Amino acid sequence: MAVIQSHPLPAHPAGSPFLVTEYKEIMIHLKKMAEGPRPFDQALDATWLYLRACQAKLPSSPQTLKSPVPPPTPEFEQSIKLSSFPQLDFTKPFNVQSFRNHIDGFILPLTRHLRSEIDTLTPDLMDTIGVEGEKEVRTWLIKHLRSYDPSWFLCSTFASVPIVKCKQLLQLPLFVRRLLLPFVLAPKFRGYWLYAPYPENLTFSGTA
């Protein structure tokens, strides 16, 4: 949850539908919900700390991308009871099976919580902000996503599904798929070579 809370919401200009009283009341309700304790909060924060620790152990290079999420404070790290999550061993290399077992321990309540929030809050929010508000949300979201390196999304997609499916979903120029991806973009994200289900899709032979 610390990762989510670290991303500031956009400032809205005068006259924005996001400044109406009804919307503010909904956002106050959301803020109270976000600040309330949930059974998966500590698990999510421990996951973030673990992934940061694993990333720090990877070989660094001038091309290594800096995370847009601010680093955790010492006070935050001390607030997480890591002993409650034995599957996350910070002293050992990344273990796929242990990490999966850790995720399985809280993913169901997290999914149910998110589904409940979407089902109950989305209609209220959309009705309140109207069409103009939806456009404003879309503009902010696009700007936010563009702050990330597009090759991150491309490499993660290629390494997550079979190459045949990649070719169907992403009909890229041959130059991009056969040369740019394996020789320029993929080396920036070496983590996918180690942990993704289809790392061969990031190689020259795998993109054929």
C-alpha atoms as a PDB file:
ATOM      1  CA  MET A   1       0.000   0.000   0.000  1.00  0.00           C
ATOM      2  CA  ALA A   2       2.950   2.321   0.531  1.00  0.00           C
ATOM      3  CA  VAL A   3       3.703   2.156  -3.195  1.00  0.00           C
ATOM      4  CA  ILE A   4       0.166   3.180  -4.099  1.00  0.00           C
ATOM      5  CA  GLN A   5       0.095   6.004  -1.550  1.00  0.00           C
ATOM      6  CA  SER A   6       3.425   7.373  -2.820  1.00  0.00           C
ATOM      7  CA  HIS A   7       1.904   8.353  -6.175  1.00  0.00           C
ATOM      8  CA  PRO A   8       0.301  11.804  -5.842  1.00  0.00           C
ATOM      9  CA  LEU A   9      -3.095  12.418  -7.379  1.00  0.00           C
ATOM     10  CA  PRO A  10      -3.317  15.154 -10.014  1.00  0.00           C
ATOM     11  CA  ALA A  11      -4.149  18.746  -9.139  1.00  0.00           C
ATOM     12  CA  HIS A  12      -7.405  19.880 -10.722  1.00  0.00           C
ATOM     13  CA  PRO A  13      -8.009  23.325 -12.272  1.00  0.00           C
ATOM     14  CA  ALA A  14     -10.846  25.593 -11.224  1.00  0.00           C
ATOM     15  CA  GLY A  15     -14.157  24.402 -12.622  1.00  0.00           C
ATOM     16  CA  SER A  16     -13.047  20.777 -12.806  1.00  0.00           C
ATOM     17  CA  PRO A  17     -15.805  18.213 -12.131  1.00  0.00           C
ATOM     18  CA  PHE A  18     -13.402  16.703  -9.593  1.00  0.00           C
ATOM     19  CA  LEU A  19     -13.907  19.723  -7.332  1.00  0.00           C
ATOM     20  CA  VAL A  20     -17.652  19.304  -6.822  1.00  0.00           C
ATOM     21  CA  THR A  21     -18.864  18.551  -3.285  1.00  0.00           C
ATOM     22  CA  GLU A  22     -20.203  15.090  -4.143  1.00  0.00           C
ATOM     23  CA  TYR A  23     -16.877  13.975  -5.558  1.00  0.00           C
ATOM     24  CA  LYS A  24     -14.963  15.345  -2.563  1.00  0.00           C
ATOM     25  CA  GLU A  25     -17.231  13.396  -0.209  1.00  0.00           C
ATOM     26  CA  ILE A  26     -16.570  10.186  -2.131  1.00  0.00           C
ATOM     27  CA  MET A  27     -12.821  10.808  -2.055  1.00  0.00           C
ATOM     28  CA  ILE A  28     -12.933  11.426   1.716  1.00  0.00           C
ATOM     29  CA  HIS A  29     -14.665   8.066   2.064  1.00  0.00           C
ATOM     30  CA  LEU A  30     -12.006   6.439  -0.136  1.00  0.00           C
ATOM     31  CA  LYS A  31      -9.222   8.000   1.920  1.00  0.00           C
ATOM     32  CA  LYS A  32     -10.697   6.619   5.129  1.00  0.00           C
ATOM     33  CA  MET A  33     -10.918   3.183   3.528  1.00  0.00           C
ATOM     34  CA  ALA A  34      -7.315   3.407   2.319  1.00  0.00           C
ATOM     35  CA  GLU A  35      -6.080   4.365   5.773  1.00  0.00           C
ATOM     36  CA  GLY A  36      -7.945   1.544   7.479  1.00  0.00           C
ATOM     37  CA  PRO A  37      -6.098  -1.714   8.204  1.00  0.00           C
ATOM     38  CA  ARG A  38      -6.541  -4.678   5.875  1.00  0.00           C
ATOM     39  CA  PRO A  39      -5.206  -8.229   6.250  1.00  0.00           C
ATOM     40  CA  PHE A  40      -3.061  -7.949   3.125  1.00  0.00           C
ATOM     41  CA  ASP A  41      -1.440  -4.537   3.771  1.00  0.00           C
ATOM     42  CA  GLN A  42       1.665  -5.874   5.493  1.00  0.00           C
ATOM     43  CA  ALA A  43       2.002  -8.665   2.928  1.00  0.00           C
ATOM     44  CA  LEU A  44       1.939  -6.160   0.057  1.00  0.00           C
ATOM     45  CA  ASP A  45       4.492  -3.897   1.707  1.00  0.00           C
ATOM     46  CA  ALA A  46       6.750  -6.848   2.534  1.00  0.00           C
ATOM     47  CA  THR A  47       6.517  -7.918  -1.109  1.00  0.00           C
ATOM     48  CA  TRP A  48       7.653  -4.468  -2.222  1.00  0.00           C
ATOM     49  CA  LEU A  49      10.640  -4.525   0.145  1.00  0.00           C
ATOM     50  CA  TYR A  50      11.579  -8.020  -1.016  1.00  0.00           C
ATOM     51  CA  LEU A  51      11.450  -7.103  -4.705  1.00  0.00           C
ATOM     52  CA  ARG A  52      13.579  -4.026  -4.060  1.00  0.00           C
ATOM     53  CA  ALA A  53      16.142  -6.185  -2.266  1.00  0.00           C
ATOM     54  CA  CYS A  54      16.187  -8.690  -5.147  1.00  0.00           C
ATOM     55  CA  GLN A  55      16.560  -5.912  -7.704  1.00  0.00           C
ATOM     56  CA  ALA A  56      19.534  -4.509  -5.803  1.00  0.00           C
ATOM     57  CA  LYS A  57      21.309  -7.855  -6.213  1.00  0.00           C
ATOM     58  CA  LEU A  58      20.987  -7.829 -10.013  1.00  0.00           C
ATOM     59  CA  PRO A  59      23.972  -6.668 -12.084  1.00  0.00           C
ATOM     60  CA  SER A  60      23.842  -2.909 -12.506  1.00  0.00           C
ATOM     61  CA  SER A  61      24.617  -0.980 -15.651  1.00  0.00           C
ATOM     62  CA  PRO A  62      24.304   2.589 -16.957  1.00  0.00           C
ATOM     63  CA  GLN A  63      21.020   1.495 -18.563  1.00  0.00           C
ATOM     64  CA  THR A  64      19.456   0.437 -15.269  1.00  0.00           C
ATOM     65  CA  LEU A  65      16.171   2.313 -14.872  1.00  0.00           C
ATOM     66  CA  LYS A  66      15.376   4.175 -11.691  1.00  0.00           C
ATOM     67  CA  SER A  67      12.052   3.335 -10.091  1.00  0.00           C
ATOM     68  CA  PRO A  68       9.528   6.219 -10.050  1.00  0.00           C
ATOM     69  CA  VAL A  69       8.466   5.074  -6.568  1.00  0.00           C
ATOM     70  CA  PRO A  70      10.313   6.823  -3.703  1.00  0.00           C
ATOM     71  CA  PRO A  71      12.494   4.464  -1.615  1.00  0.00           C
ATOM     72  CA  PRO A  72      11.109   3.301   1.734  1.00  0.00           C
ATOM     73  CA  THR A  73      12.050   5.215   4.853  1.00  0.00           C
ATOM     74  CA  PRO A  74      13.798   3.450   7.764  1.00  0.00           C
ATOM     75  CA  GLU A  75      10.658   3.984   9.849  1.00  0.00           C
ATOM     76  CA  PHE A  76       8.553   2.269   7.213  1.00  0.00           C
ATOM     77  CA  GLU A  77      10.909  -0.719   6.989  1.00  0.00           C
ATOM     78  CA  GLN A  78      10.842  -1.119  10.756  1.00  0.00           C
ATOM     79  CA  SER A  79       7.037  -1.078  10.751  1.00  0.00           C
ATOM     80  CA  ILE A  80       6.851  -4.236   8.619  1.00  0.00           C
ATOM     81  CA  LYS A  81       7.064  -7.482  10.575  1.00  0.00           C
ATOM     82  CA  LEU A  82       9.057  -9.471   8.020  1.00  0.00           C
ATOM     83  CA  SER A  83       9.201 -12.520  10.289  1.00  0.00           C
ATOM     84  CA  SER A  84       5.505 -13.002   9.515  1.00  0.00           C
ATOM     85  CA  PHE A  85       6.426 -13.837   5.918  1.00  0.00           C
ATOM     86  CA  PRO A  86       8.902 -16.750   6.039  1.00  0.00           C
ATOM     87  CA  GLN A  87       8.634 -17.299   2.273  1.00  0.00           C
ATOM     88  CA  LEU A  88      10.505 -14.030   1.702  1.00  0.00           C
ATOM     89  CA  ASP A  89      14.116 -14.784   2.595  1.00  0.00           C
ATOM     90  CA  PHE A  90      16.130 -11.600   2.088  1.00  0.00           C
ATOM     91  CA  THR A  91      19.430 -13.440   2.596  1.00  0.00           C
ATOM     92  CA  LYS A  92      19.000 -15.825  -0.333  1.00  0.00           C
ATOM     93  CA  PRO A  93      18.634 -15.398  -4.119  1.00  0.00           C
ATOM     94  CA  PHE A  94      15.170 -14.955  -5.564  1.00  0.00           C
ATOM     95  CA  ASN A  95      13.140 -18.173  -5.341  1.00  0.00           C
ATOM     96  CA  VAL A  96      10.210 -18.391  -7.738  1.00  0.00           C
ATOM     97  CA  GLN A  97       8.312 -21.078  -5.828  1.00  0.00           C
ATOM     98  CA  SER A  98       8.686 -19.391  -2.450  1.00  0.00           C
ATOM     99  CA  PHE A  99       7.596 -16.071  -3.926  1.00  0.00           C
ATOM    100  CA  ARG A 100       4.560 -17.710  -5.524  1.00  0.00           C
ATOM    101  CA  ASN A 101       3.619 -19.320  -2.210  1.00  0.00           C
ATOM    102  CA  HIS A 102       3.879 -15.918  -0.547  1.00  0.00           C
ATOM    103  CA  ILE A 103       1.602 -14.318  -3.150  1.00  0.00           C
ATOM    104  CA  ASP A 104      -0.900 -17.166  -2.836  1.00  0.00           C
ATOM    105  CA  GLY A 105      -1.186 -16.358   0.854  1.00  0.00           C
ATOM    106  CA  PHE A 106      -2.899 -13.002   0.315  1.00  0.00           C
ATOM    107  CA  ILE A 107      -3.948 -12.728  -3.327  1.00  0.00           C
ATOM    108  CA  LEU A 108      -7.518 -13.978  -2.769  1.00  0.00           C
ATOM    109  CA  PRO A 109      -8.513 -11.455  -0.073  1.00  0.00           C
ATOM    110  CA  LEU A 110      -6.763  -8.734  -2.074  1.00  0.00           C
ATOM    111  CA  THR A 111      -8.696  -9.666  -5.221  1.00  0.00           C
ATOM    112  CA  ARG A 112     -12.003  -9.757  -3.354  1.00  0.00           C
ATOM    113  CA  HIS A 113     -11.289  -6.366  -1.809  1.00  0.00           C
ATOM    114  CA  LEU A 114     -10.434  -4.763  -5.153  1.00  0.00           C
ATOM    115  CA  ARG A 115     -13.478  -6.287  -6.848  1.00  0.00           C
ATOM    116  CA  SER A 116     -15.716  -4.993  -4.079  1.00  0.00           C
ATOM    117  CA  GLU A 117     -14.275  -1.477  -4.347  1.00  0.00           C
ATOM    118  CA  ILE A 118     -14.653  -1.448  -8.130  1.00  0.00           C
ATOM    119  CA  ASP A 119     -18.232  -2.721  -8.019  1.00  0.00           C
ATOM    120  CA  THR A 120     -19.390  -0.316  -5.316  1.00  0.00           C
ATOM    121  CA  LEU A 121     -17.390   2.830  -6.011  1.00  0.00           C
ATOM    122  CA  THR A 122     -17.061   3.030  -9.792  1.00  0.00           C
ATOM    123  CA  PRO A 123     -20.739   3.892 -10.492  1.00  0.00           C
ATOM    124  CA  ASP A 124     -20.733   6.615  -7.817  1.00  0.00           C
ATOM    125  CA  LEU A 125     -17.496   8.131  -9.096  1.00  0.00           C
ATOM    126  CA  MET A 126     -18.442   8.055 -12.759  1.00  0.00           C
ATOM    127  CA  ASP A 127     -21.912   9.485 -12.151  1.00  0.00           C
ATOM    128  CA  THR A 128     -20.414  12.292 -10.085  1.00  0.00           C
ATOM    129  CA  ILE A 129     -17.649  13.439 -12.422  1.00  0.00           C
ATOM    130  CA  GLY A 130     -19.548  12.930 -15.682  1.00  0.00           C
ATOM    131  CA  VAL A 131     -18.125  12.804 -19.198  1.00  0.00           C
ATOM    132  CA  GLU A 132     -15.686  15.686 -18.718  1.00  0.00           C
ATOM    133  CA  GLY A 133     -14.339  14.089 -15.581  1.00  0.00           C
ATOM    134  CA  GLU A 134     -13.752  10.816 -17.402  1.00  0.00           C
ATOM    135  CA  LYS A 135     -11.749  12.700 -20.032  1.00  0.00           C
ATOM    136  CA  GLU A 136      -9.685  14.330 -17.299  1.00  0.00           C
ATOM    137  CA  VAL A 137      -8.981  10.953 -15.690  1.00  0.00           C
ATOM    138  CA  ARG A 138      -7.934   9.501 -19.032  1.00  0.00           C
ATOM    139  CA  THR A 139      -5.612  12.462 -19.717  1.00  0.00           C
ATOM    140  CA  TRP A 140      -3.949  12.112 -16.324  1.00  0.00           C
ATOM    141  CA  LEU A 141      -3.601   8.343 -16.659  1.00  0.00           C
ATOM    142  CA  ILE A 142      -2.011   8.552 -20.107  1.00  0.00           C
ATOM    143  CA  LYS A 143       0.451  11.168 -18.865  1.00  0.00           C
ATOM    144  CA  HIS A 144       1.276   8.997 -15.868  1.00  0.00           C
ATOM    145  CA  LEU A 145       1.865   5.866 -17.967  1.00  0.00           C
ATOM    146  CA  ARG A 146       4.039   7.780 -20.416  1.00  0.00           C
ATOM    147  CA  SER A 147       6.464   8.525 -17.590  1.00  0.00           C
ATOM    148  CA  TYR A 148       7.426   4.850 -17.770  1.00  0.00           C
ATOM    149  CA  ASP A 149       9.732   3.425 -20.404  1.00  0.00           C
ATOM    150  CA  PRO A 150       7.494   1.853 -23.114  1.00  0.00           C
ATOM    151  CA  SER A 151      10.067  -0.899 -23.636  1.00  0.00           C
ATOM    152  CA  TRP A 152       9.296  -2.117 -20.102  1.00  0.00           C
ATOM    153  CA  PHE A 153       5.755  -2.987 -21.159  1.00  0.00           C
ATOM    154  CA  LEU A 154       6.942  -4.450 -24.458  1.00  0.00           C
ATOM    155  CA  CYS A 155       9.547  -6.741 -22.887  1.00  0.00           C
ATOM    156  CA  SER A 156       7.217  -7.881 -20.120  1.00  0.00           C
ATOM    157  CA  THR A 157       4.547  -8.765 -22.673  1.00  0.00           C
ATOM    158  CA  PHE A 158       6.960 -10.692 -24.877  1.00  0.00           C
ATOM    159  CA  ALA A 159       8.341 -12.653 -21.929  1.00  0.00           C
ATOM    160  CA  SER A 160       4.912 -13.473 -20.489  1.00  0.00           C
ATOM    161  CA  VAL A 161       3.150 -15.290 -23.350  1.00  0.00           C
ATOM    162  CA  PRO A 162       4.164 -17.729 -26.125  1.00  0.00           C
ATOM    163  CA  ILE A 163       5.835 -16.090 -29.116  1.00  0.00           C
ATOM    164  CA  VAL A 164       2.998 -17.163 -31.410  1.00  0.00           C
ATOM    165  CA  LYS A 165       0.560 -15.217 -29.242  1.00  0.00           C
ATOM    166  CA  CYS A 166       2.956 -12.249 -29.170  1.00  0.00           C
ATOM    167  CA  LYS A 167       2.955 -12.079 -32.944  1.00  0.00           C
ATOM    168  CA  GLN A 168      -0.850 -12.087 -32.953  1.00  0.00           C
ATOM    169  CA  LEU A 169      -1.272  -9.472 -30.234  1.00  0.00           C
ATOM    170  CA  LEU A 170       1.635  -7.201 -31.190  1.00  0.00           C
ATOM    171  CA  GLN A 171       2.096  -7.038 -34.939  1.00  0.00           C
ATOM    172  CA  LEU A 172       5.401  -5.190 -34.810  1.00  0.00           C
ATOM    173  CA  PRO A 173       7.658  -4.401 -37.765  1.00  0.00           C
ATOM    174  CA  LEU A 174      10.184  -7.165 -38.392  1.00  0.00           C
ATOM    175  CA  PHE A 175      13.044  -4.814 -37.528  1.00  0.00           C
ATOM    176  CA  VAL A 176      11.594  -4.137 -34.077  1.00  0.00           C
ATOM    177  CA  ARG A 177      10.846  -7.762 -33.231  1.00  0.00           C
ATOM    178  CA  ARG A 178      14.004  -9.370 -34.624  1.00  0.00           C
ATOM    179  CA  LEU A 179      16.655  -6.719 -33.927  1.00  0.00           C
ATOM    180  CA  LEU A 180      15.529  -3.872 -31.688  1.00  0.00           C
ATOM    181  CA  LEU A 181      13.863  -6.087 -29.071  1.00  0.00           C
ATOM    182  CA  PRO A 182      16.590  -8.722 -28.486  1.00  0.00           C
ATOM    183  CA  PHE A 183      19.656  -6.519 -28.926  1.00  0.00           C
ATOM    184  CA  VAL A 184      18.611  -3.086 -27.613  1.00  0.00           C
ATOM    185  CA  LEU A 185      15.529  -3.296 -25.399  1.00  0.00           C
ATOM    186  CA  ALA A 186      15.682  -6.706 -23.715  1.00  0.00           C
ATOM    187  CA  PRO A 187      19.175  -6.251 -22.196  1.00  0.00           C
ATOM    188  CA  LYS A 188      17.778  -3.342 -20.158  1.00  0.00           C
ATOM    189  CA  PHE A 189      15.464  -5.730 -18.299  1.00  0.00           C
ATOM    190  CA  ARG A 190      17.567  -8.740 -17.389  1.00  0.00           C
ATOM    191  CA  GLY A 191      15.109  -9.726 -14.666  1.00  0.00           C
ATOM    192  CA  TYR A 192      12.734 -11.089 -17.287  1.00  0.00           C
ATOM    193  CA  TRP A 193      15.413 -13.481 -18.508  1.00  0.00           C
ATOM    194  CA  LEU A 194      15.538 -15.061 -15.062  1.00  0.00           C
ATOM    195  CA  TYR A 195      11.948 -15.141 -13.846  1.00  0.00           C
ATOM    196  CA  ALA A 196       9.545 -14.802 -16.786  1.00  0.00           C
ATOM    197  CA  PRO A 197       7.762 -17.885 -18.170  1.00  0.00           C
ATOM    198  CA  TYR A 198       9.030 -17.292 -21.736  1.00  0.00           C
ATOM    199  CA  PRO A 199      12.451 -15.598 -21.473  1.00  0.00           C
ATOM    200  CA  GLU A 200      13.478 -17.120 -24.805  1.00  0.00           C
ATOM    201  CA  ASN A 201      11.133 -14.633 -26.480  1.00  0.00           C
ATOM    202  CA  LEU A 202      13.664 -11.912 -25.674  1.00  0.00           C
ATOM    203  CA  THR A 203      16.430 -13.576 -27.693  1.00  0.00           C
ATOM    204  CA  PHE A 204      17.195 -13.296 -31.392  1.00  0.00           C
ATOM    205  CA  SER A 205      16.324 -16.922 -32.106  1.00  0.00           C
ATOM    206  CA  GLY A 206      13.227 -16.772 -29.908  1.00  0.00           C
ATOM    207  CA  THR A 207      11.681 -13.906 -31.875  1.00  0.00           C
ATOM    208  CA  ALA A 208      11.836 -15.752 -35.205  1.00  0.00           C
END
